[in-house]
Amino acid sequence: SLMEKIKIQTHKKLRLVNVLAKELRGLPLEKLDEEIQKFTNFLEVSKIQTKGPLITKTIGTQISEAGEISLDYDIYIQTVRGLNFQGYAFYPELVAENCLFAHFEGTQEEFNFVDAKLSLYIWENDLIARGEQYMIHLEQNEKWMMTDVFKPVEKMNETL
């Protein structure tokens, strides 16, 4: 039988505790990897006790008239205790309800299929994406990645 490579689950809830966040707004797309690296370096240098993998949240993208793409983007890590650092936000708890969930293992290029499959699922089931998407970066190397994706959705208004 044919195994589905990307299986979508519904009504999933993402709950994060003691979240240290770097909140980036209007970030040029090409600066993204650099900012994630800066965040990871900061965690190492600061000797912050963390729990679990790095989490990123795409909030939205803008395209300028010149065609440059910029993102509103958060980088999260769960920590052992409450923290206060200049330039970082801290949340005791963050919850995303009613998410579509997909577990992905494959190459960076293949990850596009996750977005495509989620978009198709949303369209087929008359859902509305709320716009943001969370990625739990479980494992990653140059060629391969393992990621959990949470995408909050709403039911389309029946009266439309």
N, C-alpha and C. Protein backbone atom coordinates (compact mmCIF):
# COMPACT_ATOMS: atom_id res chain seq x y z
N SER A 1 0.84 -1.20 0.00
CA SER A 1 0.00 0.00 0.00
C SER A 1 0.88 1.25 0.00
N LEU A 2 0.36 2.30 -0.52
CA LEU A 2 1.11 3.54 -0.64
C LEU A 2 1.07 4.29 0.70
N MET A 3 2.23 4.54 1.26
CA MET A 3 2.30 5.29 2.51
C MET A 3 2.23 6.77 2.21
N GLU A 4 1.38 7.46 2.95
CA GLU A 4 1.33 8.90 2.81
C GLU A 4 2.61 9.47 3.44
N LYS A 5 3.33 10.26 2.69
CA LYS A 5 4.56 10.82 3.23
C LYS A 5 4.27 11.91 4.25
N ILE A 6 3.25 12.73 3.96
CA ILE A 6 2.88 13.79 4.88
C ILE A 6 1.42 13.58 5.27
N LYS A 7 1.21 13.18 6.52
CA LYS A 7 -0.13 12.94 7.01
C LYS A 7 -0.57 14.14 7.83
N ILE A 8 -1.77 14.65 7.55
CA ILE A 8 -2.25 15.82 8.28
C ILE A 8 -3.22 15.41 9.37
N GLN A 9 -2.96 15.89 10.57
CA GLN A 9 -3.87 15.67 11.69
C GLN A 9 -4.54 16.99 12.05
N THR A 10 -5.75 16.88 12.60
CA THR A 10 -6.53 18.10 12.88
C THR A 10 -6.74 18.30 14.38
N HIS A 11 -7.20 19.48 14.74
CA HIS A 11 -7.56 19.84 16.13
C HIS A 11 -6.42 19.60 17.10
N LYS A 12 -5.21 19.92 16.67
CA LYS A 12 -4.05 19.78 17.54
C LYS A 12 -3.81 21.09 18.27
N LYS A 13 -3.25 20.98 19.46
CA LYS A 13 -2.96 22.15 20.27
C LYS A 13 -1.47 22.21 20.55
N LEU A 14 -0.89 23.37 20.34
CA LEU A 14 0.53 23.56 20.66
C LEU A 14 0.60 24.39 21.93
N ARG A 15 1.27 23.87 22.94
CA ARG A 15 1.42 24.60 24.20
C ARG A 15 2.90 24.69 24.54
N LEU A 16 3.38 25.91 24.67
CA LEU A 16 4.78 26.15 25.01
C LEU A 16 4.85 26.86 26.36
N VAL A 17 5.86 26.50 27.15
CA VAL A 17 5.99 27.05 28.50
C VAL A 17 7.35 27.74 28.67
N ASN A 18 7.36 28.85 29.41
CA ASN A 18 8.60 29.60 29.66
C ASN A 18 9.35 29.89 28.36
N VAL A 19 8.71 30.66 27.52
CA VAL A 19 9.24 30.89 26.18
C VAL A 19 10.07 32.18 26.11
N LEU A 20 11.33 32.01 25.74
CA LEU A 20 12.17 33.16 25.44
C LEU A 20 12.05 33.40 23.94
N ALA A 21 11.71 34.63 23.56
CA ALA A 21 11.40 34.91 22.16
C ALA A 21 12.20 36.07 21.61
N LYS A 22 12.67 35.88 20.39
CA LYS A 22 13.24 36.99 19.63
C LYS A 22 12.19 37.30 18.57
N GLU A 23 11.63 38.51 18.62
CA GLU A 23 10.54 38.87 17.73
C GLU A 23 11.06 39.80 16.64
N LEU A 24 11.07 39.29 15.43
CA LEU A 24 11.64 40.03 14.30
C LEU A 24 10.51 40.53 13.41
N ARG A 25 10.53 41.82 13.09
CA ARG A 25 9.48 42.41 12.25
C ARG A 25 10.10 43.06 11.02
N GLY A 26 9.50 42.81 9.88
CA GLY A 26 10.01 43.39 8.63
C GLY A 26 11.42 42.92 8.30
N LEU A 27 11.69 41.67 8.64
CA LEU A 27 13.03 41.11 8.43
C LEU A 27 13.20 40.69 6.96
N PRO A 28 14.26 41.20 6.29
CA PRO A 28 14.51 40.73 4.92
C PRO A 28 14.75 39.22 4.93
N LEU A 29 14.13 38.52 3.99
CA LEU A 29 14.19 37.06 3.93
C LEU A 29 15.62 36.53 3.99
N GLU A 30 16.54 37.21 3.30
CA GLU A 30 17.92 36.70 3.23
C GLU A 30 18.66 36.83 4.57
N LYS A 31 18.08 37.56 5.54
CA LYS A 31 18.71 37.71 6.85
C LYS A 31 18.23 36.65 7.85
N LEU A 32 17.27 35.82 7.43
CA LEU A 32 16.61 34.90 8.35
C LEU A 32 17.57 33.90 9.00
N ASP A 33 18.36 33.20 8.18
CA ASP A 33 19.28 32.19 8.70
C ASP A 33 20.27 32.81 9.68
N GLU A 34 20.73 34.00 9.34
CA GLU A 34 21.67 34.73 10.18
C GLU A 34 21.06 35.04 11.55
N GLU A 35 19.79 35.46 11.56
CA GLU A 35 19.11 35.78 12.82
C GLU A 35 18.91 34.54 13.69
N ILE A 36 18.58 33.42 13.04
CA ILE A 36 18.41 32.16 13.78
C ILE A 36 19.75 31.74 14.39
N GLN A 37 20.82 31.90 13.62
CA GLN A 37 22.17 31.59 14.11
C GLN A 37 22.54 32.49 15.29
N LYS A 38 22.22 33.78 15.18
CA LYS A 38 22.49 34.73 16.27
C LYS A 38 21.78 34.31 17.55
N PHE A 39 20.53 33.87 17.39
CA PHE A 39 19.72 33.44 18.53
C PHE A 39 20.35 32.22 19.21
N THR A 40 20.74 31.24 18.40
CA THR A 40 21.36 30.02 18.94
C THR A 40 22.68 30.36 19.63
N ASN A 41 23.47 31.24 19.03
CA ASN A 41 24.73 31.68 19.64
C ASN A 41 24.48 32.35 20.99
N PHE A 42 23.45 33.22 21.02
CA PHE A 42 23.09 33.93 22.25
C PHE A 42 22.75 32.94 23.36
N LEU A 43 21.99 31.90 23.01
CA LEU A 43 21.62 30.89 24.01
C LEU A 43 22.86 30.20 24.58
N GLU A 44 23.81 29.86 23.70
CA GLU A 44 25.03 29.18 24.13
C GLU A 44 25.88 30.08 25.01
N VAL A 45 26.11 31.31 24.56
CA VAL A 45 26.95 32.27 25.30
C VAL A 45 26.34 32.59 26.66
N SER A 46 25.01 32.72 26.71
CA SER A 46 24.33 33.10 27.95
C SER A 46 24.14 31.93 28.90
N LYS A 47 24.51 30.72 28.46
CA LYS A 47 24.39 29.51 29.29
C LYS A 47 22.95 29.32 29.80
N ILE A 48 21.99 29.65 28.95
CA ILE A 48 20.59 29.51 29.33
C ILE A 48 20.20 28.04 29.30
N GLN A 49 19.55 27.58 30.36
CA GLN A 49 19.08 26.19 30.39
C GLN A 49 17.78 26.11 29.59
N THR A 50 17.84 25.35 28.51
CA THR A 50 16.68 25.26 27.63
C THR A 50 16.05 23.87 27.69
N LYS A 51 14.81 23.81 27.23
CA LYS A 51 14.10 22.53 27.17
C LYS A 51 13.54 22.38 25.77
N GLY A 52 13.88 21.28 25.12
CA GLY A 52 13.30 21.02 23.80
C GLY A 52 13.96 21.81 22.69
N PRO A 53 13.47 21.59 21.48
CA PRO A 53 14.10 22.16 20.28
C PRO A 53 13.74 23.62 20.03
N LEU A 54 14.41 24.19 19.06
CA LEU A 54 14.12 25.54 18.60
C LEU A 54 12.77 25.55 17.89
N ILE A 55 12.01 26.62 18.08
CA ILE A 55 10.70 26.74 17.46
C ILE A 55 10.66 28.07 16.73
N THR A 56 10.16 28.06 15.51
CA THR A 56 10.02 29.32 14.80
C THR A 56 8.57 29.51 14.40
N LYS A 57 8.16 30.78 14.35
CA LYS A 57 6.79 31.12 14.01
C LYS A 57 6.81 32.15 12.89
N THR A 58 6.25 31.78 11.75
CA THR A 58 6.10 32.74 10.66
C THR A 58 4.74 33.40 10.86
N ILE A 59 4.73 34.72 10.95
CA ILE A 59 3.49 35.44 11.20
C ILE A 59 2.92 35.98 9.90
N GLY A 60 3.82 36.38 9.02
CA GLY A 60 3.34 36.90 7.73
C GLY A 60 4.51 37.37 6.90
N THR A 61 4.25 37.52 5.60
CA THR A 61 5.29 38.02 4.70
C THR A 61 4.75 39.23 3.93
N GLN A 62 5.64 40.13 3.62
CA GLN A 62 5.29 41.27 2.77
C GLN A 62 6.23 41.28 1.57
N ILE A 63 5.73 41.73 0.45
CA ILE A 63 6.58 41.89 -0.73
C ILE A 63 6.54 43.36 -1.13
N SER A 64 7.73 43.97 -1.17
CA SER A 64 7.81 45.39 -1.50
C SER A 64 7.60 45.58 -3.00
N GLU A 65 7.43 46.83 -3.42
CA GLU A 65 7.25 47.12 -4.85
C GLU A 65 8.46 46.69 -5.66
N ALA A 66 9.63 46.72 -5.01
CA ALA A 66 10.86 46.27 -5.68
C ALA A 66 10.96 44.74 -5.72
N GLY A 67 9.98 44.08 -5.09
CA GLY A 67 9.97 42.61 -5.12
C GLY A 67 10.76 41.96 -4.00
N GLU A 68 11.18 42.77 -2.99
CA GLU A 68 11.91 42.19 -1.87
C GLU A 68 10.92 41.60 -0.86
N ILE A 69 11.26 40.42 -0.37
CA ILE A 69 10.39 39.74 0.59
C ILE A 69 10.88 40.02 2.00
N SER A 70 9.96 40.43 2.87
CA SER A 70 10.31 40.55 4.29
C SER A 70 9.29 39.80 5.13
N LEU A 71 9.75 39.37 6.31
CA LEU A 71 8.94 38.52 7.18
C LEU A 71 8.71 39.15 8.54
N ASP A 72 7.57 38.81 9.14
CA ASP A 72 7.38 38.98 10.57
C ASP A 72 7.56 37.57 11.13
N TYR A 73 8.49 37.43 12.05
CA TYR A 73 9.01 36.11 12.38
C TYR A 73 9.44 36.08 13.84
N ASP A 74 9.04 35.05 14.55
CA ASP A 74 9.49 34.87 15.93
C ASP A 74 10.36 33.62 16.04
N ILE A 75 11.39 33.71 16.88
CA ILE A 75 12.21 32.54 17.19
C ILE A 75 12.02 32.27 18.68
N TYR A 76 11.65 31.04 19.01
CA TYR A 76 11.34 30.67 20.39
C TYR A 76 12.25 29.55 20.89
N ILE A 77 12.48 29.57 22.20
CA ILE A 77 13.04 28.41 22.89
C ILE A 77 12.35 28.33 24.25
N GLN A 78 12.06 27.11 24.70
CA GLN A 78 11.50 26.95 26.04
C GLN A 78 12.66 26.86 27.03
N THR A 79 12.50 27.54 28.15
CA THR A 79 13.58 27.60 29.13
C THR A 79 13.13 26.98 30.45
N VAL A 80 14.10 26.73 31.32
CA VAL A 80 13.81 26.09 32.60
C VAL A 80 13.13 27.05 33.57
N ARG A 81 13.45 28.34 33.46
CA ARG A 81 12.85 29.33 34.37
C ARG A 81 12.64 30.66 33.65
N GLY A 82 11.90 31.54 34.31
CA GLY A 82 11.64 32.86 33.76
C GLY A 82 12.92 33.65 33.57
N LEU A 83 13.00 34.38 32.48
CA LEU A 83 14.21 35.13 32.16
C LEU A 83 13.87 36.54 31.72
N ASN A 84 14.85 37.43 31.86
CA ASN A 84 14.65 38.80 31.41
C ASN A 84 15.91 39.30 30.73
N PHE A 85 15.85 39.42 29.40
CA PHE A 85 16.99 39.92 28.64
C PHE A 85 16.56 41.07 27.76
N GLN A 86 17.39 42.08 27.71
CA GLN A 86 17.17 43.22 26.82
C GLN A 86 17.05 42.73 25.37
N GLY A 87 16.00 43.17 24.67
CA GLY A 87 15.86 42.81 23.26
C GLY A 87 15.14 41.49 23.02
N TYR A 88 14.74 40.82 24.12
CA TYR A 88 14.02 39.56 24.00
C TYR A 88 12.72 39.65 24.79
N ALA A 89 11.71 38.92 24.33
CA ALA A 89 10.45 38.85 25.07
C ALA A 89 10.40 37.54 25.83
N PHE A 90 9.61 37.51 26.89
CA PHE A 90 9.44 36.26 27.64
C PHE A 90 7.97 36.02 27.90
N TYR A 91 7.51 34.78 27.64
CA TYR A 91 6.12 34.41 27.87
C TYR A 91 6.05 33.17 28.77
N PRO A 92 5.34 33.27 29.90
CA PRO A 92 5.17 32.09 30.76
C PRO A 92 4.49 30.94 30.02
N GLU A 93 3.58 31.30 29.11
CA GLU A 93 2.89 30.28 28.33
C GLU A 93 2.42 30.84 27.00
N LEU A 94 2.55 30.04 25.95
CA LEU A 94 2.00 30.38 24.64
C LEU A 94 1.20 29.17 24.15
N VAL A 95 -0.02 29.42 23.71
CA VAL A 95 -0.88 28.33 23.24
C VAL A 95 -1.44 28.66 21.87
N ALA A 96 -1.37 27.70 20.97
CA ALA A 96 -2.04 27.82 19.66
C ALA A 96 -3.07 26.70 19.58
N GLU A 97 -4.33 27.08 19.51
CA GLU A 97 -5.43 26.11 19.50
C GLU A 97 -5.83 25.75 18.07
N ASN A 98 -6.53 24.63 17.95
CA ASN A 98 -7.14 24.22 16.68
C ASN A 98 -6.18 24.31 15.50
N CYS A 99 -5.09 23.58 15.60
CA CYS A 99 -4.08 23.60 14.55
C CYS A 99 -4.19 22.35 13.66
N LEU A 100 -3.84 22.53 12.41
CA LEU A 100 -3.52 21.39 11.57
C LEU A 100 -2.08 21.03 11.94
N PHE A 101 -1.78 19.74 11.93
CA PHE A 101 -0.46 19.29 12.32
C PHE A 101 0.11 18.36 11.25
N ALA A 102 1.38 18.55 10.92
CA ALA A 102 2.06 17.64 10.01
C ALA A 102 3.47 17.39 10.51
N HIS A 103 3.90 16.14 10.45
CA HIS A 103 5.27 15.79 10.80
C HIS A 103 6.01 15.58 9.49
N PHE A 104 7.17 16.21 9.35
CA PHE A 104 7.91 16.14 8.10
C PHE A 104 9.33 15.63 8.32
N GLU A 105 9.75 14.71 7.46
CA GLU A 105 11.15 14.30 7.40
C GLU A 105 11.58 14.29 5.94
N GLY A 106 12.60 15.06 5.62
CA GLY A 106 13.06 15.13 4.23
C GLY A 106 14.04 16.27 4.03
N THR A 107 14.23 16.66 2.79
CA THR A 107 15.17 17.74 2.50
C THR A 107 14.47 19.09 2.61
N GLN A 108 15.28 20.12 2.70
CA GLN A 108 14.80 21.50 2.75
C GLN A 108 13.88 21.78 1.56
N GLU A 109 14.28 21.32 0.37
CA GLU A 109 13.50 21.55 -0.85
C GLU A 109 12.13 20.88 -0.77
N GLU A 110 12.11 19.68 -0.22
CA GLU A 110 10.86 18.92 -0.14
C GLU A 110 9.89 19.53 0.87
N PHE A 111 10.42 20.36 1.76
CA PHE A 111 9.55 20.96 2.78
C PHE A 111 8.41 21.76 2.15
N ASN A 112 8.63 22.30 0.95
CA ASN A 112 7.58 23.02 0.23
C ASN A 112 6.31 22.19 0.09
N PHE A 113 6.47 20.86 0.03
CA PHE A 113 5.31 19.99 -0.11
C PHE A 113 4.40 20.05 1.12
N VAL A 114 4.99 20.31 2.29
CA VAL A 114 4.20 20.45 3.51
C VAL A 114 3.25 21.64 3.37
N ASP A 115 3.81 22.78 2.97
CA ASP A 115 3.00 23.98 2.79
C ASP A 115 1.91 23.74 1.74
N ALA A 116 2.30 23.08 0.66
CA ALA A 116 1.35 22.81 -0.42
C ALA A 116 0.23 21.90 0.07
N LYS A 117 0.59 20.86 0.81
CA LYS A 117 -0.40 19.90 1.29
C LYS A 117 -1.33 20.54 2.32
N LEU A 118 -0.78 21.35 3.20
CA LEU A 118 -1.60 22.06 4.19
C LEU A 118 -2.57 23.02 3.49
N SER A 119 -2.06 23.75 2.51
CA SER A 119 -2.91 24.69 1.77
C SER A 119 -4.05 23.96 1.06
N LEU A 120 -3.74 22.82 0.47
CA LEU A 120 -4.74 22.03 -0.22
C LEU A 120 -5.78 21.51 0.77
N TYR A 121 -5.32 21.02 1.91
CA TYR A 121 -6.22 20.51 2.94
C TYR A 121 -7.18 21.61 3.41
N ILE A 122 -6.62 22.80 3.63
CA ILE A 122 -7.41 23.95 4.08
C ILE A 122 -8.49 24.29 3.05
N TRP A 123 -8.10 24.28 1.79
CA TRP A 123 -9.03 24.58 0.70
C TRP A 123 -10.11 23.51 0.58
N GLU A 124 -9.70 22.26 0.60
CA GLU A 124 -10.66 21.15 0.45
C GLU A 124 -11.67 21.08 1.59
N ASN A 125 -11.26 21.51 2.77
CA ASN A 125 -12.13 21.38 3.95
C ASN A 125 -12.78 22.69 4.39
N ASP A 126 -12.77 23.68 3.48
CA ASP A 126 -13.40 24.97 3.78
C ASP A 126 -12.92 25.58 5.09
N LEU A 127 -11.62 25.54 5.29
CA LEU A 127 -11.03 26.15 6.48
C LEU A 127 -10.39 27.47 6.09
N ILE A 128 -10.07 28.26 7.09
CA ILE A 128 -9.35 29.51 6.86
C ILE A 128 -8.09 29.47 7.71
N ALA A 129 -6.95 29.67 7.07
CA ALA A 129 -5.70 29.72 7.81
C ALA A 129 -5.64 31.06 8.52
N ARG A 130 -5.19 31.05 9.77
CA ARG A 130 -5.12 32.30 10.51
C ARG A 130 -3.88 33.11 10.13
N GLY A 131 -3.02 32.51 9.32
CA GLY A 131 -1.88 33.27 8.82
C GLY A 131 -0.55 32.86 9.40
N GLU A 132 -0.57 32.41 10.65
CA GLU A 132 0.73 32.05 11.22
C GLU A 132 0.98 30.56 11.14
N GLN A 133 2.25 30.20 11.27
CA GLN A 133 2.64 28.80 11.22
C GLN A 133 3.82 28.58 12.15
N TYR A 134 3.74 27.53 12.94
CA TYR A 134 4.81 27.19 13.89
C TYR A 134 5.58 26.00 13.37
N MET A 135 6.89 26.07 13.49
CA MET A 135 7.74 24.94 13.11
C MET A 135 8.60 24.54 14.30
N ILE A 136 8.49 23.26 14.68
CA ILE A 136 9.32 22.73 15.75
C ILE A 136 10.50 22.03 15.08
N HIS A 137 11.69 22.58 15.24
CA HIS A 137 12.86 22.07 14.53
C HIS A 137 13.49 20.92 15.31
N LEU A 138 13.01 19.71 15.06
CA LEU A 138 13.43 18.54 15.85
C LEU A 138 14.87 18.15 15.56
N GLU A 139 15.21 18.05 14.27
CA GLU A 139 16.58 17.72 13.88
C GLU A 139 16.87 18.35 12.53
N GLN A 140 18.12 18.67 12.30
CA GLN A 140 18.47 19.29 11.04
C GLN A 140 19.96 19.14 10.77
N ASN A 141 20.29 18.83 9.52
CA ASN A 141 21.68 18.95 9.09
C ASN A 141 21.68 19.57 7.69
N GLU A 142 22.80 19.57 7.03
CA GLU A 142 22.89 20.22 5.71
C GLU A 142 21.86 19.69 4.73
N LYS A 143 21.61 18.38 4.75
CA LYS A 143 20.81 17.75 3.71
C LYS A 143 19.39 17.39 4.13
N TRP A 144 19.17 17.25 5.44
CA TRP A 144 17.96 16.59 5.91
C TRP A 144 17.37 17.32 7.11
N MET A 145 16.05 17.31 7.23
CA MET A 145 15.43 17.93 8.39
C MET A 145 14.23 17.12 8.88
N MET A 146 13.98 17.22 10.18
CA MET A 146 12.80 16.63 10.79
C MET A 146 12.09 17.74 11.56
N THR A 147 10.87 18.00 11.16
CA THR A 147 10.15 19.16 11.65
C THR A 147 8.69 18.85 11.90
N ASP A 148 8.15 19.38 13.00
CA ASP A 148 6.71 19.33 13.23
C ASP A 148 6.13 20.70 12.88
N VAL A 149 5.02 20.69 12.17
CA VAL A 149 4.39 21.94 11.74
C VAL A 149 3.00 22.06 12.35
N PHE A 150 2.73 23.20 12.96
CA PHE A 150 1.40 23.50 13.51
C PHE A 150 0.86 24.74 12.80
N LYS A 151 -0.33 24.62 12.24
CA LYS A 151 -0.93 25.74 11.51
C LYS A 151 -2.35 25.99 12.02
N PRO A 152 -2.55 27.08 12.79
CA PRO A 152 -3.88 27.38 13.32
C PRO A 152 -4.88 27.68 12.19
N VAL A 153 -6.08 27.10 12.31
CA VAL A 153 -7.13 27.33 11.31
C VAL A 153 -8.47 27.62 11.97
N GLU A 154 -9.36 28.17 11.17
CA GLU A 154 -10.74 28.40 11.60
C GLU A 154 -11.66 27.81 10.56
N LYS A 155 -12.87 27.49 10.97
CA LYS A 155 -13.88 27.01 10.04
C LYS A 155 -14.41 28.20 9.28
N MET A 156 -14.63 28.01 7.97
CA MET A 156 -15.19 29.09 7.16
C MET A 156 -16.61 29.36 7.60
N ASN A 157 -16.98 30.62 7.64
CA ASN A 157 -18.33 31.01 8.03
C ASN A 157 -19.35 30.39 7.07
N GLU A 158 -20.28 29.63 7.63
CA GLU A 158 -21.24 28.90 6.79
C GLU A 158 -22.13 29.83 5.96
N THR A 159 -22.30 31.07 6.40
CA THR A 159 -23.24 31.96 5.72
C THR A 159 -22.64 32.65 4.50
N LEU A 160 -21.34 32.42 4.26
CA LEU A 160 -20.70 33.08 3.11
C LEU A 160 -21.33 32.63 1.79
